[in-house]
PDB file of N, CA and C in Angstrom:
ATOM      1  N   LEU A   1     -50.738 -86.894 -30.488  1.00  0.00           N
ATOM      2  CA  LEU A   1     -51.278 -85.962 -29.280  1.00  0.00           C
ATOM      3  C   LEU A   1     -50.377 -86.336 -28.449  1.00  0.00           C
ATOM      4  N   TYR A   2     -50.310 -86.148 -27.839  1.00  0.00           N
ATOM      5  CA  TYR A   2     -49.272 -86.507 -26.362  1.00  0.00           C
ATOM      6  C   TYR A   2     -50.133 -86.607 -25.252  1.00  0.00           C
ATOM      7  N   CYS A   3     -49.105 -87.881 -24.724  1.00  0.00           N
ATOM      8  CA  CYS A   3     -49.437 -87.753 -23.325  1.00  0.00           C
ATOM      9  C   CYS A   3     -48.469 -87.353 -22.622  1.00  0.00           C
ATOM     10  N   GLY A   4     -48.548 -86.956 -21.117  1.00  0.00           N
ATOM     11  CA  GLY A   4     -47.487 -86.933 -19.739  1.00  0.00           C
ATOM     12  C   GLY A   4     -47.634 -85.602 -18.904  1.00  0.00           C
ATOM     13  N   SER A   5     -46.778 -85.252 -18.500  1.00  0.00           N
ATOM     14  CA  SER A   5     -46.882 -83.674 -17.836  1.00  0.00           C
ATOM     15  C   SER A   5     -45.522 -82.847 -18.393  1.00  0.00           C
ATOM     16  N   ALA A   6     -45.663 -82.110 -17.183  1.00  0.00           N
ATOM     17  CA  ALA A   6     -44.227 -81.016 -17.321  1.00  0.00           C
ATOM     18  C   ALA A   6     -42.884 -81.896 -16.619  1.00  0.00           C
ATOM     19  N   VAL A   7     -43.326 -83.035 -16.396  1.00  0.00           N
ATOM     20  CA  VAL A   7     -41.757 -84.691 -15.652  1.00  0.00           C
ATOM     21  C   VAL A   7     -41.832 -84.945 -17.363  1.00  0.00           C
ATOM     22  N   ALA A   8     -42.987 -85.556 -18.069  1.00  0.00           N
ATOM     23  CA  ALA A   8     -42.422 -86.646 -18.986  1.00  0.00           C
ATOM     24  C   ALA A   8     -43.628 -86.149 -20.336  1.00  0.00           C
ATOM     25  N   ALA A   9     -43.639 -86.300 -21.746  1.00  0.00           N
ATOM     26  CA  ALA A   9     -44.191 -86.283 -22.706  1.00  0.00           C
ATOM     27  C   ALA A   9     -43.695 -87.318 -23.599  1.00  0.00           C
ATOM     28  N   TYR A  10     -44.753 -87.539 -23.944  1.00  0.00           N
ATOM     29  CA  TYR A  10     -44.901 -88.578 -24.926  1.00  0.00           C
ATOM     30  C   TYR A  10     -45.983 -89.095 -26.156  1.00  0.00           C
ATOM     31  N   PRO A  11     -45.281 -89.495 -27.555  1.00  0.00           N
ATOM     32  CA  PRO A  11     -46.191 -89.899 -28.098  1.00  0.00           C
ATOM     33  C   PRO A  11     -47.374 -91.087 -28.022  1.00  0.00           C
ATOM     34  N   VAL A  12     -48.217 -90.787 -28.568  1.00  0.00           N
ATOM     35  CA  VAL A  12     -49.409 -91.992 -27.869  1.00  0.00           C
ATOM     36  C   VAL A  12     -50.182 -92.370 -29.063  1.00  0.00           C
ATOM     37  N   THR A  13     -50.655 -93.851 -29.153  1.00  0.00           N
ATOM     38  CA  THR A  13     -51.659 -94.056 -30.212  1.00  0.00           C
ATOM     39  C   THR A  13     -53.164 -94.330 -29.242  1.00  0.00           C
ATOM     40  N   LEU A  14     -54.097 -94.047 -29.502  1.00  0.00           N
ATOM     41  CA  LEU A  14     -55.181 -94.375 -29.382  1.00  0.00           C
ATOM     42  C   LEU A  14     -55.586 -95.572 -29.163  1.00  0.00           C
ATOM     43  N   GLN A  15     -54.851 -97.083 -28.922  1.00  0.00           N
ATOM     44  CA  GLN A  15     -54.245 -98.053 -28.446  1.00  0.00           C
ATOM     45  C   GLN A  15     -54.263 -98.052 -27.091  1.00  0.00           C
ATOM     46  N   SER A  16     -53.077 -96.907 -26.557  1.00  0.00           N
ATOM     47  CA  SER A  16     -52.381 -96.824 -25.334  1.00  0.00           C
ATOM     48  C   SER A  16     -52.954 -95.408 -24.744  1.00  0.00           C
ATOM     49  N   LEU A  17     -54.577 -95.191 -25.310  1.00  0.00           N
ATOM     50  CA  LEU A  17     -54.891 -94.209 -24.491  1.00  0.00           C
ATOM     51  C   LEU A  17     -55.492 -93.811 -22.950  1.00  0.00           C
ATOM     52  N   ALA A  18     -56.216 -95.272 -23.208  1.00  0.00           N
ATOM     53  CA  ALA A  18     -56.085 -95.959 -21.741  1.00  0.00           C
ATOM     54  C   ALA A  18     -55.305 -95.124 -20.509  1.00  0.00           C
ATOM     55  N   SER A  19     -54.135 -96.287 -20.930  1.00  0.00           N
ATOM     56  CA  SER A  19     -53.010 -96.383 -20.099  1.00  0.00           C
ATOM     57  C   SER A  19     -52.251 -94.996 -19.879  1.00  0.00           C
ATOM     58  N   CYS A  20     -52.462 -94.096 -20.888  1.00  0.00           N
ATOM     59  CA  CYS A  20     -51.957 -92.953 -20.599  1.00  0.00           C
ATOM     60  C   CYS A  20     -52.662 -92.326 -19.691  1.00  0.00           C
ATOM     61  N   GLN A  21     -53.882 -92.019 -19.781  1.00  0.00           N
ATOM     62  CA  GLN A  21     -55.289 -91.605 -18.542  1.00  0.00           C
ATOM     63  C   GLN A  21     -54.646 -92.228 -17.130  1.00  0.00           C
ATOM     64  N   ASN A  22     -54.338 -93.120 -17.327  1.00  0.00           N
ATOM     65  CA  ASN A  22     -53.647 -93.946 -16.131  1.00  0.00           C
ATOM     66  C   ASN A  22     -52.356 -93.611 -16.045  1.00  0.00           C
ATOM     67  N   ALA A  23     -51.657 -92.705 -16.621  1.00  0.00           N
ATOM     68  CA  ALA A  23     -50.385 -92.181 -15.779  1.00  0.00           C
ATOM     69  C   ALA A  23     -50.403 -90.842 -15.835  1.00  0.00           C
ATOM     70  N   VAL A  24     -51.570 -90.097 -16.093  1.00  0.00           N
ATOM     71  CA  VAL A  24     -51.203 -88.888 -15.962  1.00  0.00           C
ATOM     72  C   VAL A  24     -52.311 -88.755 -14.542  1.00  0.00           C
ATOM     73  N   GLU A  25     -53.064 -89.606 -14.300  1.00  0.00           N
ATOM     74  CA  GLU A  25     -53.742 -89.300 -12.882  1.00  0.00           C
ATOM     75  C   GLU A  25     -52.905 -89.857 -11.768  1.00  0.00           C
ATOM     76  N   HIS A  26     -51.852 -90.628 -12.131  1.00  0.00           N
ATOM     77  CA  HIS A  26     -51.129 -90.793 -11.257  1.00  0.00           C
ATOM     78  C   HIS A  26     -50.080 -90.163 -11.088  1.00  0.00           C
ATOM     79  N   VAL A  27     -49.537 -89.286 -12.054  1.00  0.00           N
ATOM     80  CA  VAL A  27     -48.331 -88.150 -12.145  1.00  0.00           C
ATOM     81  C   VAL A  27     -49.472 -87.267 -10.855  1.00  0.00           C
ATOM     82  N   ASN A  28     -51.126 -86.935 -11.090  1.00  0.00           N
ATOM     83  CA  ASN A  28     -51.660 -85.606 -10.062  1.00  0.00           C
ATOM     84  C   ASN A  28     -51.173 -86.075  -8.728  1.00  0.00           C
ATOM     85  N   ALA A  29     -51.614 -87.965  -8.817  1.00  0.00           N
ATOM     86  CA  ALA A  29     -51.709 -88.295  -7.257  1.00  0.00           C
ATOM     87  C   ALA A  29     -50.462 -88.430  -6.238  1.00  0.00           C
ATOM     88  N   ILE A  30     -49.246 -88.164  -6.815  1.00  0.00           N
ATOM     89  CA  ILE A  30     -47.922 -88.114  -6.667  1.00  0.00           C
ATOM     90  C   ILE A  30     -47.146 -86.640  -6.243  1.00  0.00           C
ATOM     91  N   GLU A  31     -48.142 -85.457  -6.966  1.00  0.00           N
ATOM     92  CA  GLU A  31     -47.314 -84.378  -6.952  1.00  0.00           C
ATOM     93  C   GLU A  31     -47.356 -84.029  -5.376  1.00  0.00           C
ATOM     94  N   GLY A  32     -46.527 -83.391  -5.016  1.00  0.00           N
ATOM     95  CA  GLY A  32     -46.456 -82.566  -3.971  1.00  0.00           C
ATOM     96  C   GLY A  32     -46.596 -83.592  -2.650  1.00  0.00           C
ATOM     97  N   LYS A  33     -45.485 -84.705  -3.303  1.00  0.00           N
ATOM     98  CA  LYS A  33     -45.644 -86.280  -1.815  1.00  0.00           C
ATOM     99  C   LYS A  33     -44.352 -86.463  -2.225  1.00  0.00           C
ATOM    100  N   PHE A  34     -43.634 -85.849  -2.956  1.00  0.00           N
ATOM    101  CA  PHE A  34     -42.327 -85.957  -3.073  1.00  0.00           C
ATOM    102  C   PHE A  34     -40.938 -85.160  -2.961  1.00  0.00           C
ATOM    103  N   TYR A  35     -39.715 -84.665  -2.033  1.00  0.00           N
ATOM    104  CA  TYR A  35     -38.917 -84.102  -1.879  1.00  0.00           C
ATOM    105  C   TYR A  35     -37.496 -84.574  -1.201  1.00  0.00           C
ATOM    106  N   ALA A  36     -36.787 -83.718  -1.482  1.00  0.00           N
ATOM    107  CA  ALA A  36     -35.114 -84.351  -1.386  1.00  0.00           C
ATOM    108  C   ALA A  36     -35.236 -83.091   0.051  1.00  0.00           C
ATOM    109  N   TYR A  37     -34.117 -83.268   0.757  1.00  0.00           N
ATOM    110  CA  TYR A  37     -33.009 -82.742   1.772  1.00  0.00           C
ATOM    111  C   TYR A  37     -32.151 -82.926   2.362  1.00  0.00           C
ATOM    112  N   PRO A  38     -31.107 -82.254   2.209  1.00  0.00           N
ATOM    113  CA  PRO A  38     -31.184 -80.958   2.362  1.00  0.00           C
ATOM    114  C   PRO A  38     -30.787 -80.427   0.772  1.00  0.00           C
ATOM    115  N   ASN A  39     -31.093 -79.889   0.339  1.00  0.00           N
ATOM    116  CA  ASN A  39     -31.004 -79.130  -0.462  1.00  0.00           C
ATOM    117  C   ASN A  39     -30.711 -77.505  -1.224  1.00  0.00           C
ATOM    118  N   PRO A  40     -30.274 -77.078  -1.417  1.00  0.00           N
ATOM    119  CA  PRO A  40     -28.953 -77.661  -1.328  1.00  0.00           C
ATOM    120  C   PRO A  40     -28.619 -77.797  -0.598  1.00  0.00           C
ATOM    121  N   ASN A  41     -26.951 -79.313  -1.253  1.00  0.00           N
ATOM    122  CA  ASN A  41     -27.081 -80.041  -0.265  1.00  0.00           C
ATOM    123  C   ASN A  41     -24.819 -80.010  -0.371  1.00  0.00           C
ATOM    124  N   TYR A  42     -24.680 -80.022   1.069  1.00  0.00           N
ATOM    125  CA  TYR A  42     -22.909 -80.602   0.794  1.00  0.00           C
ATOM    126  C   TYR A  42     -22.391 -81.706   1.369  1.00  0.00           C
ATOM    127  N   PHE A  43     -23.448 -82.653   1.979  1.00  0.00           N
ATOM    128  CA  PHE A  43     -23.075 -83.791   2.678  1.00  0.00           C
ATOM    129  C   PHE A  43     -22.893 -85.003   1.477  1.00  0.00           C
ATOM    130  N   ASN A  44     -22.176 -86.246   2.199  1.00  0.00           N
ATOM    131  CA  ASN A  44     -22.430 -86.901   1.487  1.00  0.00           C
ATOM    132  C   ASN A  44     -23.780 -88.151   1.208  1.00  0.00           C
ATOM    133  N   THR A  45     -24.965 -87.591   1.875  1.00  0.00           N
ATOM    134  CA  THR A  45     -25.836 -88.003   2.003  1.00  0.00           C
ATOM    135  C   THR A  45     -27.540 -87.112   1.504  1.00  0.00           C
ATOM    136  N   LEU A  46     -28.405 -87.819   0.756  1.00  0.00           N
ATOM    137  CA  LEU A  46     -29.764 -87.219   0.717  1.00  0.00           C
ATOM    138  C   LEU A  46     -30.651 -88.265   1.219  1.00  0.00           C
ATOM    139  N   THR A  47     -31.226 -87.141   2.071  1.00  0.00           N
ATOM    140  CA  THR A  47     -32.557 -88.185   2.345  1.00  0.00           C
ATOM    141  C   THR A  47     -33.696 -87.754   1.234  1.00  0.00           C
ATOM    142  N   LEU A  48     -34.797 -88.454   0.430  1.00  0.00           N
ATOM    143  CA  LEU A  48     -35.359 -88.893  -0.202  1.00  0.00           C
ATOM    144  C   LEU A  48     -37.004 -88.858   0.324  1.00  0.00           C
ATOM    145  N   HIS A  49     -37.977 -88.227   0.145  1.00  0.00           N
ATOM    146  CA  HIS A  49     -39.323 -88.640   0.934  1.00  0.00           C
ATOM    147  C   HIS A  49     -40.132 -88.714  -0.223  1.00  0.00           C
ATOM    148  N   VAL A  50     -40.305 -90.063  -0.439  1.00  0.00           N
ATOM    149  CA  VAL A  50     -41.540 -90.767  -1.365  1.00  0.00           C
ATOM    150  C   VAL A  50     -42.685 -91.074  -1.287  1.00  0.00           C
ATOM    151  N   GLU A  51     -43.918 -90.542  -0.587  1.00  0.00           N
ATOM    152  CA  GLU A  51     -44.949 -90.471   0.046  1.00  0.00           C
ATOM    153  C   GLU A  51     -45.365 -91.763  -1.466  1.00  0.00           C
ATOM    154  N   GLY A  52     -46.210 -92.917  -0.967  1.00  0.00           N
ATOM    155  CA  GLY A  52     -46.532 -93.392  -1.575  1.00  0.00           C
ATOM    156  C   GLY A  52     -45.486 -95.032  -2.860  1.00  0.00           C
ATOM    157  N   SER A  53     -45.020 -95.080  -2.256  1.00  0.00           N
ATOM    158  CA  SER A  53     -44.397 -95.231  -3.330  1.00  0.00           C
ATOM    159  C   SER A  53     -44.589 -97.198  -3.228  1.00  0.00           C
ATOM    160  N   SER A  54     -44.184 -97.528  -4.474  1.00  0.00           N
ATOM    161  CA  SER A  54     -44.116 -99.398  -4.436  1.00  0.00           C
ATOM    162  C   SER A  54     -43.026 -99.939  -4.656  1.00  0.00           C
ATOM    163  N   ASN A  55     -42.946-100.988  -4.594  1.00  0.00           N
ATOM    164  CA  ASN A  55     -41.758-101.446  -4.872  1.00  0.00           C
ATOM    165  C   ASN A  55     -40.792-101.173  -5.552  1.00  0.00           C
ATOM    166  N   ARG A  56     -41.582-100.872  -6.940  1.00  0.00           N
ATOM    167  CA  ARG A  56     -40.871-100.844  -7.860  1.00  0.00           C
ATOM    168  C   ARG A  56     -40.316 -99.246  -8.495  1.00  0.00           C
ATOM    169  N   THR A  57     -39.817 -98.695  -7.211  1.00  0.00           N
ATOM    170  CA  THR A  57     -39.880 -97.249  -7.401  1.00  0.00           C
ATOM    171  C   THR A  57     -37.837 -96.962  -7.428  1.00  0.00           C
ATOM    172  N   VAL A  58     -38.145 -96.760  -8.637  1.00  0.00           N
ATOM    173  CA  VAL A  58     -36.860 -96.086  -8.700  1.00  0.00           C
ATOM    174  C   VAL A  58     -36.603 -94.454  -8.364  1.00  0.00           C
ATOM    175  N   VAL A  59     -34.792 -93.837  -8.259  1.00  0.00           N
ATOM    176  CA  VAL A  59     -35.062 -92.886  -8.064  1.00  0.00           C
ATOM    177  C   VAL A  59     -33.673 -92.270  -8.754  1.00  0.00           C
ATOM    178  N   ASP A  60     -33.548 -91.667  -9.961  1.00  0.00           N
ATOM    179  CA  ASP A  60     -32.489 -91.039 -10.922  1.00  0.00           C
ATOM    180  C   ASP A  60     -32.177 -89.545 -10.745  1.00  0.00           C
ATOM    181  N   PHE A  61     -30.875 -89.604 -10.776  1.00  0.00           N
ATOM    182  CA  PHE A  61     -30.168 -88.299 -10.335  1.00  0.00           C
ATOM    183  C   PHE A  61     -29.657 -88.042 -12.139  1.00  0.00           C
ATOM    184  N   VAL A  62     -29.864 -87.074 -12.848  1.00  0.00           N
ATOM    185  CA  VAL A  62     -29.913 -86.717 -14.268  1.00  0.00           C
ATOM    186  C   VAL A  62     -29.133 -85.577 -14.408  1.00  0.00           C
ATOM    187  N   ASN A  63     -28.092 -85.609 -14.888  1.00  0.00           N
ATOM    188  CA  ASN A  63     -27.423 -84.103 -14.562  1.00  0.00           C
ATOM    189  C   ASN A  63     -27.849 -83.139 -16.416  1.00  0.00           C
ATOM    190  N   THR A  64     -27.119 -82.314 -16.254  1.00  0.00           N
ATOM    191  CA  THR A  64     -27.669 -81.642 -16.749  1.00  0.00           C
ATOM    192  C   THR A  64     -27.977 -81.561 -18.769  1.00  0.00           C
ATOM    193  N   VAL A  65     -26.595 -82.710 -18.772  1.00  0.00           N
ATOM    194  CA  VAL A  65     -26.854 -83.016 -20.286  1.00  0.00           C
ATOM    195  C   VAL A  65     -27.627 -84.153 -20.619  1.00  0.00           C
ATOM    196  N   GLY A  66     -27.935 -84.098 -19.175  1.00  0.00           N
ATOM    197  CA  GLY A  66     -29.036 -86.009 -19.741  1.00  0.00           C
ATOM    198  C   GLY A  66     -28.947 -87.186 -19.588  1.00  0.00           C
ATOM    199  N   GLN A  67     -27.865 -87.306 -18.594  1.00  0.00           N
ATOM    200  CA  GLN A  67     -27.183 -88.654 -18.288  1.00  0.00           C
ATOM    201  C   GLN A  67     -27.561 -88.839 -16.981  1.00  0.00           C
ATOM    202  N   VAL A  68     -28.340 -89.944 -17.252  1.00  0.00           N
ATOM    203  CA  VAL A  68     -28.568 -90.610 -15.919  1.00  0.00           C
ATOM    204  C   VAL A  68     -27.178 -91.186 -14.626  1.00  0.00           C
ATOM    205  N   ASP A  69     -26.606 -90.148 -14.084  1.00  0.00           N
ATOM    206  CA  ASP A  69     -25.306 -90.094 -12.923  1.00  0.00           C
ATOM    207  C   ASP A  69     -25.472 -91.511 -11.507  1.00  0.00           C
ATOM    208  N   LEU A  70     -26.452 -91.488 -10.904  1.00  0.00           N
ATOM    209  CA  LEU A  70     -27.125 -92.050  -9.683  1.00  0.00           C
ATOM    210  C   LEU A  70     -28.629 -92.833  -9.979  1.00  0.00           C
ATOM    211  N   SER A  71     -28.624 -93.914  -9.741  1.00  0.00           N
ATOM    212  CA  SER A  71     -30.119 -94.562  -9.850  1.00  0.00           C
ATOM    213  C   SER A  71     -29.749 -95.476  -8.711  1.00  0.00           C
ATOM    214  N   SER A  72     -31.143 -94.997  -7.484  1.00  0.00           N
ATOM    215  CA  SER A  72     -30.716 -95.232  -6.329  1.00  0.00           C
ATOM    216  C   SER A  72     -32.418 -95.859  -6.396  1.00  0.00           C
ATOM    217  N   SER A  73     -32.862 -97.598  -5.646  1.00  0.00           N
ATOM    218  CA  SER A  73     -34.054 -97.615  -5.635  1.00  0.00           C
ATOM    219  C   SER A  73     -34.304 -97.576  -4.258  1.00  0.00           C
ATOM    220  N   VAL A  74     -35.926 -97.115  -3.851  1.00  0.00           N
ATOM    221  CA  VAL A  74     -36.629 -96.781  -2.864  1.00  0.00           C
ATOM    222  C   VAL A  74     -37.184 -97.385  -1.832  1.00  0.00           C
ATOM    223  N   THR A  75     -36.440 -97.917  -0.560  1.00  0.00           N
ATOM    224  CA  THR A  75     -37.559 -98.806   0.223  1.00  0.00           C
ATOM    225  C   THR A  75     -38.454 -97.604   1.029  1.00  0.00           C
ATOM    226  N   GLY A  76     -39.629 -97.417   1.094  1.00  0.00           N
ATOM    227  CA  GLY A  76     -40.006 -97.235   2.179  1.00  0.00           C
ATOM    228  C   GLY A  76     -40.457 -96.231   2.028  1.00  0.00           C
ATOM    229  N   THR A  77     -41.031 -94.696   2.644  1.00  0.00           N
ATOM    230  CA  THR A  77     -41.384 -93.866   2.546  1.00  0.00           C
ATOM    231  C   THR A  77     -40.135 -92.696   2.331  1.00  0.00           C
ATOM    232  N   GLU A  78     -39.501 -93.197   3.614  1.00  0.00           N
ATOM    233  CA  GLU A  78     -38.053 -92.347   3.628  1.00  0.00           C
ATOM    234  C   GLU A  78     -36.655 -93.076   3.145  1.00  0.00           C
ATOM    235  N   THR A  79     -35.733 -92.410   2.209  1.00  0.00           N
ATOM    236  CA  THR A  79     -34.526 -93.262   2.102  1.00  0.00           C
ATOM    237  C   THR A  79     -33.357 -92.603   2.206  1.00  0.00           C
ATOM    238  N   THR A  80     -32.839 -92.733   2.286  1.00  0.00           N
ATOM    239  CA  THR A  80     -31.329 -92.150   2.076  1.00  0.00           C
ATOM    240  C   THR A  80     -30.293 -92.569   1.367  1.00  0.00           C
ATOM    241  N   VAL A  81     -30.010 -91.763   0.286  1.00  0.00           N
ATOM    242  CA  VAL A  81     -28.697 -92.005  -0.283  1.00  0.00           C
ATOM    243  C   VAL A  81     -27.654 -91.753  -0.489  1.00  0.00           C
ATOM    244  N   ASP A  82     -26.859 -92.510  -0.269  1.00  0.00           N
ATOM    245  CA  ASP A  82     -25.424 -92.449  -0.744  1.00  0.00           C
ATOM    246  C   ASP A  82     -24.975 -91.008  -1.659  1.00  0.00           C
ATOM    247  N   ILE A  83     -24.938 -89.778  -1.911  1.00  0.00           N
ATOM    248  CA  ILE A  83     -24.335 -89.275  -2.895  1.00  0.00           C
ATOM    249  C   ILE A  83     -23.040 -88.581  -3.159  1.00  0.00           C
ATOM    250  N   SER A  84     -21.935 -89.938  -2.697  1.00  0.00           N
ATOM    251  CA  SER A  84     -20.600 -89.019  -2.239  1.00  0.00           C
ATOM    252  C   SER A  84     -19.711 -89.242  -3.517  1.00  0.00           C
ATOM    253  N   MET A  85     -20.532 -90.157  -4.395  1.00  0.00           N
ATOM    254  CA  MET A  85     -19.546 -90.435  -5.911  1.00  0.00           C
ATOM    255  C   MET A  85     -20.491 -89.006  -6.799  1.00  0.00           C
ATOM    256  N   LEU A  86     -21.179 -88.582  -6.662  1.00  0.00           N
ATOM    257  CA  LEU A  86     -22.162 -87.250  -7.080  1.00  0.00           C
ATOM    258  C   LEU A  86     -20.810 -85.961  -7.850  1.00  0.00           C
ATOM    259  N   PRO A  87     -20.277 -85.989  -8.535  1.00  0.00           N
ATOM    260  CA  PRO A  87     -19.694 -84.122  -9.194  1.00  0.00           C
ATOM    261  C   PRO A  87     -20.248 -83.060  -8.701  1.00  0.00           C
ATOM    262  N   LYS A  88     -19.916 -82.167  -7.980  1.00  0.00           N
ATOM    263  CA  LYS A  88     -21.238 -81.142  -7.219  1.00  0.00           C
ATOM    264  C   LYS A  88     -21.323 -80.591  -9.106  1.00  0.00           C
ATOM    265  N   GLY A  89     -22.411 -79.772  -8.731  1.00  0.00           N
ATOM    266  CA  GLY A  89     -23.293 -79.539  -9.565  1.00  0.00           C
ATOM    267  C   GLY A  89     -24.681 -79.250  -9.931  1.00  0.00           C
ATOM    268  N   TYR A  90     -25.510 -78.982 -10.969  1.00  0.00           N
ATOM    269  CA  TYR A  90     -27.447 -79.454 -10.902  1.00  0.00           C
ATOM    270  C   TYR A  90     -27.403 -80.597 -11.534  1.00  0.00           C
ATOM    271  N   TYR A  91     -28.615 -81.011 -10.744  1.00  0.00           N
ATOM    272  CA  TYR A  91     -29.430 -82.154 -11.195  1.00  0.00           C
ATOM    273  C   TYR A  91     -30.658 -82.131 -11.345  1.00  0.00           C
ATOM    274  N   THR A  92     -31.348 -82.947 -11.549  1.00  0.00           N
ATOM    275  CA  THR A  92     -33.032 -83.441 -11.781  1.00  0.00           C
ATOM    276  C   THR A  92     -33.220 -84.866 -11.087  1.00  0.00           C
ATOM    277  N   VAL A  93     -33.662 -84.451 -10.120  1.00  0.00           N
ATOM    278  CA  VAL A  93     -34.011 -86.098  -9.352  1.00  0.00           C
ATOM    279  C   VAL A  93     -35.670 -86.354  -9.938  1.00  0.00           C
ATOM    280  N   VAL A  94     -35.259 -87.324 -10.541  1.00  0.00           N
ATOM    281  CA  VAL A  94     -36.327 -88.073 -10.952  1.00  0.00           C
ATOM    282  C   VAL A  94     -37.184 -89.592 -10.459  1.00  0.00           C
ATOM    283  N   VAL A  95     -37.695 -89.724 -10.245  1.00  0.00           N
ATOM    284  CA  VAL A  95     -39.262 -90.715  -9.155  1.00  0.00           C
ATOM    285  C   VAL A  95     -39.720 -91.529 -10.831  1.00  0.00           C
ATOM    286  N   VAL A  96     -38.982 -92.351 -10.573  1.00  0.00           N
ATOM    287  CA  VAL A  96     -39.820 -93.467 -12.061  1.00  0.00           C
ATOM    288  C   VAL A  96     -40.433 -94.665 -10.955  1.00  0.00           C
ATOM    289  N   GLU A  97     -42.074 -95.314 -11.033  1.00  0.00           N
ATOM    290  CA  GLU A  97     -42.618 -95.985 -10.786  1.00  0.00           C
ATOM    291  C   GLU A  97     -43.036 -96.593 -11.909  1.00  0.00           C
ATOM    292  N   ASP A  98     -42.530 -98.125 -11.576  1.00  0.00           N
ATOM    293  CA  ASP A  98     -43.674 -99.293 -12.401  1.00  0.00           C
ATOM    294  C   ASP A  98     -43.131 -98.395 -14.101  1.00  0.00           C
ATOM    295  N   GLY A  99     -42.097 -98.106 -13.998  1.00  0.00           N
ATOM    296  CA  GLY A  99     -41.294 -97.393 -15.915  1.00  0.00           C
ATOM    297  C   GLY A  99     -42.022 -95.791 -15.835  1.00  0.00           C
ATOM    298  N   VAL A 100     -42.728 -95.174 -15.560  1.00  0.00           N
ATOM    299  CA  VAL A 100     -43.210 -94.171 -15.657  1.00  0.00           C
ATOM    300  C   VAL A 100     -42.452 -93.106 -14.411  1.00  0.00           C
ATOM    301  N   ARG A 101     -42.139 -92.305 -15.500  1.00  0.00           N
ATOM    302  CA  ARG A 101     -41.502 -91.070 -14.481  1.00  0.00           C
ATOM    303  C   ARG A 101     -42.690 -90.948 -13.774  1.00  0.00           C
ATOM    304  N   VAL A 102     -42.996 -90.241 -12.972  1.00  0.00           N
ATOM    305  CA  VAL A 102     -43.716 -89.841 -11.758  1.00  0.00           C
ATOM    306  C   VAL A 102     -44.098 -88.384 -11.484  1.00  0.00           C
ATOM    307  N   ALA A 103     -42.700 -88.236 -10.947  1.00  0.00           N
ATOM    308  CA  ALA A 103     -42.094 -86.467  -9.834  1.00  0.00           C
ATOM    309  C   ALA A 103     -41.015 -86.155 -10.214  1.00  0.00           C
ATOM    310  N   ALA A 104     -39.976 -84.976 -10.083  1.00  0.00           N
ATOM    311  CA  ALA A 104     -38.810 -84.552 -11.025  1.00  0.00           C
ATOM    312  C   ALA A 104     -38.833 -83.067  -9.445  1.00  0.00           C
ATOM    313  N   LEU A 105     -37.793 -83.404  -9.401  1.00  0.00           N
ATOM    314  CA  LEU A 105     -37.636 -81.826  -8.658  1.00  0.00           C
ATOM    315  C   LEU A 105     -36.078 -81.073  -9.412  1.00  0.00           C
ATOM    316  N   LYS A 106     -35.367 -80.237  -9.003  1.00  0.00           N
ATOM    317  CA  LYS A 106     -34.473 -80.214  -8.973  1.00  0.00           C
ATOM    318  C   LYS A 106     -33.410 -80.174  -8.024  1.00  0.00           C
ATOM    319  N   PHE A 107     -32.047 -80.569  -7.925  1.00  0.00           N
ATOM    320  CA  PHE A 107     -31.320 -80.592  -6.695  1.00  0.00           C
ATOM    321  C   PHE A 107     -29.797 -80.033  -7.035  1.00  0.00           C
ATOM    322  N   VAL A 108     -29.237 -79.498  -6.079  1.00  0.00           N
ATOM    323  CA  VAL A 108     -27.808 -79.076  -6.357  1.00  0.00           C
ATOM    324  C   VAL A 108     -26.811 -79.871  -5.274  1.00  0.00           C
ATOM    325  N   ARG A 109     -25.741 -80.242  -6.188  1.00  0.00           N
ATOM    326  CA  ARG A 109     -24.438 -80.729  -4.671  1.00  0.00           C
ATOM    327  C   ARG A 109     -23.292 -79.963  -5.123  1.00  0.00           C
ATOM    328  N   LEU A 110     -22.923 -79.166  -4.377  1.00  0.00           N
ATOM    329  CA  LEU A 110     -22.426 -78.665  -3.809  1.00  0.00           C
ATOM    330  C   LEU A 110     -20.741 -78.999  -3.430  1.00  0.00           C
TER     331      LEU A 110
END
């Protein structure tokens, strides 16, 4: 038995099935409410729009080998992130809320 979406899938037990259902409902609720611009990006900053984020929302920039190159806390609906230290390349930008991956998008740093 697996819980998750295209963003994250993990095995669950019957005891955690209710928690899994809540996570899936939350993923469905945030879908379409997360975007980043400009993308692709030549600049040193990236603006993230995360609608409905909580105080415990983090955005991770994951490179093509699965390593987190940058992690940033999100405050409010729109946050500007300094990406000057990110090497050029392809990234998956993952929104983690309360320890659960809730959204992701592809990002290109030029």
